[in-house]
Amino acid sequence: MPDLGYLVAAVAIGATITIALRALPFAILKPLRRSKFVMTLGRWMPAGILCILAVVILRDELVARSEHWWAVLVATAVTVVVHLVGRRRAILSVAAGTACYIVLLNLV
């Protein structure tokens, strides 16, 4: 069994490292807020991530349901049109595209 002093030192070192690692992001946050690079990332990353997600999901659906490729494309078109016409309401466009896809797969 380790000595009590050893255990206290180990816990103190672990606590110090944990607190430092949790405080580090807040310490470097202020200079990063004014950075042009971070501002550019904040502007472009959400659209880029959504684009990658859409491509991956569309590819997977086209591979999984190759006989219903047209349903995937029609539902995607419905989603885009509803999003642009519906004042860019994401929930509305996703719901419309999903409903269209389900209806096309089950009824046609």
C-alpha atoms as a PDB file:
ATOM      1  CA  MET A   1       0.000   0.000   0.000  1.00  0.00           C
ATOM      2  CA  PRO A   2       1.468   3.389  -0.996  1.00  0.00           C
ATOM      3  CA  ASP A   3       2.276   5.960   1.625  1.00  0.00           C
ATOM      4  CA  LEU A   4      -0.405   8.566   2.483  1.00  0.00           C
ATOM      5  CA  GLY A   5       1.875  11.424   1.360  1.00  0.00           C
ATOM      6  CA  TYR A   6       2.367   9.742  -2.002  1.00  0.00           C
ATOM      7  CA  LEU A   7      -1.396   9.401  -2.522  1.00  0.00           C
ATOM      8  CA  VAL A   8      -2.054  13.025  -1.514  1.00  0.00           C
ATOM      9  CA  ALA A   9       0.678  14.212  -3.898  1.00  0.00           C
ATOM     10  CA  ALA A  10      -0.719  12.093  -6.749  1.00  0.00           C
ATOM     11  CA  VAL A  11      -4.238  13.453  -6.240  1.00  0.00           C
ATOM     12  CA  ALA A  12      -2.927  17.040  -5.962  1.00  0.00           C
ATOM     13  CA  ILE A  13      -0.918  16.691  -9.190  1.00  0.00           C
ATOM     14  CA  GLY A  14      -3.891  15.149 -10.999  1.00  0.00           C
ATOM     15  CA  ALA A  15      -6.220  17.904  -9.758  1.00  0.00           C
ATOM     16  CA  THR A  16      -3.758  20.633 -10.795  1.00  0.00           C
ATOM     17  CA  ILE A  17      -3.381  19.185 -14.294  1.00  0.00           C
ATOM     18  CA  THR A  18      -7.169  18.803 -14.669  1.00  0.00           C
ATOM     19  CA  ILE A  19      -7.851  22.379 -13.577  1.00  0.00           C
ATOM     20  CA  ALA A  20      -5.100  23.718 -15.846  1.00  0.00           C
ATOM     21  CA  LEU A  21      -6.417  21.806 -18.861  1.00  0.00           C
ATOM     22  CA  ARG A  22      -9.945  23.039 -18.232  1.00  0.00           C
ATOM     23  CA  ALA A  23      -8.826  26.655 -17.777  1.00  0.00           C
ATOM     24  CA  LEU A  24      -6.516  26.710 -20.812  1.00  0.00           C
ATOM     25  CA  PRO A  25      -9.271  27.189 -23.445  1.00  0.00           C
ATOM     26  CA  PHE A  26     -10.658  30.173 -21.526  1.00  0.00           C
ATOM     27  CA  ALA A  27      -7.184  31.696 -21.229  1.00  0.00           C
ATOM     28  CA  ILE A  28      -6.553  31.565 -24.988  1.00  0.00           C
ATOM     29  CA  LEU A  29     -10.117  32.433 -25.989  1.00  0.00           C
ATOM     30  CA  LYS A  30      -9.750  36.223 -25.809  1.00  0.00           C
ATOM     31  CA  PRO A  31      -6.896  36.558 -28.343  1.00  0.00           C
ATOM     32  CA  LEU A  32      -8.585  34.073 -30.674  1.00  0.00           C
ATOM     33  CA  ARG A  33     -11.826  36.057 -30.864  1.00  0.00           C
ATOM     34  CA  ARG A  34     -10.070  38.813 -32.793  1.00  0.00           C
ATOM     35  CA  SER A  35      -8.260  36.435 -35.132  1.00  0.00           C
ATOM     36  CA  LYS A  36      -9.220  36.677 -38.812  1.00  0.00           C
ATOM     37  CA  PHE A  37      -8.480  32.975 -39.253  1.00  0.00           C
ATOM     38  CA  VAL A  38     -10.913  31.950 -36.516  1.00  0.00           C
ATOM     39  CA  MET A  39     -13.555  34.325 -37.889  1.00  0.00           C
ATOM     40  CA  THR A  40     -13.147  32.788 -41.343  1.00  0.00           C
ATOM     41  CA  LEU A  41     -13.406  29.278 -39.891  1.00  0.00           C
ATOM     42  CA  GLY A  42     -16.547  30.271 -38.014  1.00  0.00           C
ATOM     43  CA  ARG A  43     -18.090  31.550 -41.212  1.00  0.00           C
ATOM     44  CA  TRP A  44     -17.244  28.610 -43.500  1.00  0.00           C
ATOM     45  CA  MET A  45     -17.087  25.504 -41.300  1.00  0.00           C
ATOM     46  CA  PRO A  46     -20.833  25.050 -40.672  1.00  0.00           C
ATOM     47  CA  ALA A  47     -21.592  25.094 -44.399  1.00  0.00           C
ATOM     48  CA  GLY A  48     -18.649  22.833 -45.154  1.00  0.00           C
ATOM     49  CA  ILE A  49     -19.636  20.301 -42.508  1.00  0.00           C
ATOM     50  CA  LEU A  50     -23.235  20.263 -43.742  1.00  0.00           C
ATOM     51  CA  CYS A  51     -22.050  19.803 -47.319  1.00  0.00           C
ATOM     52  CA  ILE A  52     -19.870  16.825 -46.345  1.00  0.00           C
ATOM     53  CA  LEU A  53     -22.742  15.330 -44.327  1.00  0.00           C
ATOM     54  CA  ALA A  54     -25.166  15.716 -47.227  1.00  0.00           C
ATOM     55  CA  VAL A  55     -22.769  14.131 -49.725  1.00  0.00           C
ATOM     56  CA  VAL A  56     -22.062  11.165 -47.456  1.00  0.00           C
ATOM     57  CA  ILE A  57     -25.732  10.534 -46.705  1.00  0.00           C
ATOM     58  CA  LEU A  58     -26.800  10.882 -50.339  1.00  0.00           C
ATOM     59  CA  ARG A  59     -24.031   8.536 -51.458  1.00  0.00           C
ATOM     60  CA  ASP A  60     -25.004   5.952 -48.822  1.00  0.00           C
ATOM     61  CA  GLU A  61     -28.677   6.122 -49.787  1.00  0.00           C
ATOM     62  CA  LEU A  62     -27.901   5.854 -53.495  1.00  0.00           C
ATOM     63  CA  VAL A  63     -25.755   2.773 -52.839  1.00  0.00           C
ATOM     64  CA  ALA A  64     -28.215   1.179 -50.393  1.00  0.00           C
ATOM     65  CA  ARG A  65     -31.286   1.774 -52.587  1.00  0.00           C
ATOM     66  CA  SER A  66     -29.888   1.792 -56.085  1.00  0.00           C
ATOM     67  CA  GLU A  67     -33.289   0.874 -57.573  1.00  0.00           C
ATOM     68  CA  HIS A  68     -34.846   3.985 -55.980  1.00  0.00           C
ATOM     69  CA  TRP A  69     -32.177   6.501 -56.983  1.00  0.00           C
ATOM     70  CA  TRP A  70     -34.819   8.802 -58.379  1.00  0.00           C
ATOM     71  CA  ALA A  71     -36.595   9.022 -54.986  1.00  0.00           C
ATOM     72  CA  VAL A  72     -33.378  10.208 -53.369  1.00  0.00           C
ATOM     73  CA  LEU A  73     -32.904  12.902 -55.993  1.00  0.00           C
ATOM     74  CA  VAL A  74     -36.555  14.038 -55.890  1.00  0.00           C
ATOM     75  CA  ALA A  75     -36.530  14.260 -52.078  1.00  0.00           C
ATOM     76  CA  THR A  76     -33.260  16.199 -52.213  1.00  0.00           C
ATOM     77  CA  ALA A  77     -34.749  18.625 -54.738  1.00  0.00           C
ATOM     78  CA  VAL A  78     -37.853  19.066 -52.552  1.00  0.00           C
ATOM     79  CA  THR A  79     -35.637  19.798 -49.554  1.00  0.00           C
ATOM     80  CA  VAL A  80     -33.654  22.435 -51.444  1.00  0.00           C
ATOM     81  CA  VAL A  81     -36.729  24.115 -52.926  1.00  0.00           C
ATOM     82  CA  VAL A  82     -38.604  24.218 -49.601  1.00  0.00           C
ATOM     83  CA  HIS A  83     -35.492  25.573 -47.905  1.00  0.00           C
ATOM     84  CA  LEU A  84     -35.101  28.400 -50.417  1.00  0.00           C
ATOM     85  CA  VAL A  85     -38.808  29.217 -50.699  1.00  0.00           C
ATOM     86  CA  GLY A  86     -39.506  28.789 -46.985  1.00  0.00           C
ATOM     87  CA  ARG A  87     -37.116  31.530 -45.907  1.00  0.00           C
ATOM     88  CA  ARG A  88     -34.327  29.086 -45.036  1.00  0.00           C
ATOM     89  CA  ARG A  89     -36.176  27.323 -42.230  1.00  0.00           C
ATOM     90  CA  ALA A  90     -34.094  24.200 -41.742  1.00  0.00           C
ATOM     91  CA  ILE A  91     -36.675  22.232 -39.752  1.00  0.00           C
ATOM     92  CA  LEU A  92     -39.338  22.838 -42.384  1.00  0.00           C
ATOM     93  CA  SER A  93     -37.109  21.844 -45.293  1.00  0.00           C
ATOM     94  CA  VAL A  94     -35.761  18.715 -43.575  1.00  0.00           C
ATOM     95  CA  ALA A  95     -39.286  17.652 -42.598  1.00  0.00           C
ATOM     96  CA  ALA A  96     -40.582  18.195 -46.145  1.00  0.00           C
ATOM     97  CA  GLY A  97     -37.694  16.314 -47.718  1.00  0.00           C
ATOM     98  CA  THR A  98     -37.992  13.428 -45.266  1.00  0.00           C
ATOM     99  CA  ALA A  99     -41.754  13.174 -45.744  1.00  0.00           C
ATOM    100  CA  CYS A 100     -41.331  13.238 -49.522  1.00  0.00           C
ATOM    101  CA  TYR A 101     -38.704  10.492 -49.375  1.00  0.00           C
ATOM    102  CA  ILE A 102     -40.822   8.265 -47.134  1.00  0.00           C
ATOM    103  CA  VAL A 103     -43.901   8.741 -49.314  1.00  0.00           C
ATOM    104  CA  LEU A 104     -41.948   7.993 -52.504  1.00  0.00           C
ATOM    105  CA  LEU A 105     -40.401   4.838 -51.045  1.00  0.00           C
ATOM    106  CA  ASN A 106     -43.646   3.470 -49.642  1.00  0.00           C
ATOM    107  CA  LEU A 107     -46.225   4.459 -52.241  1.00  0.00           C
ATOM    108  CA  VAL A 108     -44.334   4.222 -55.516  1.00  0.00           C
END
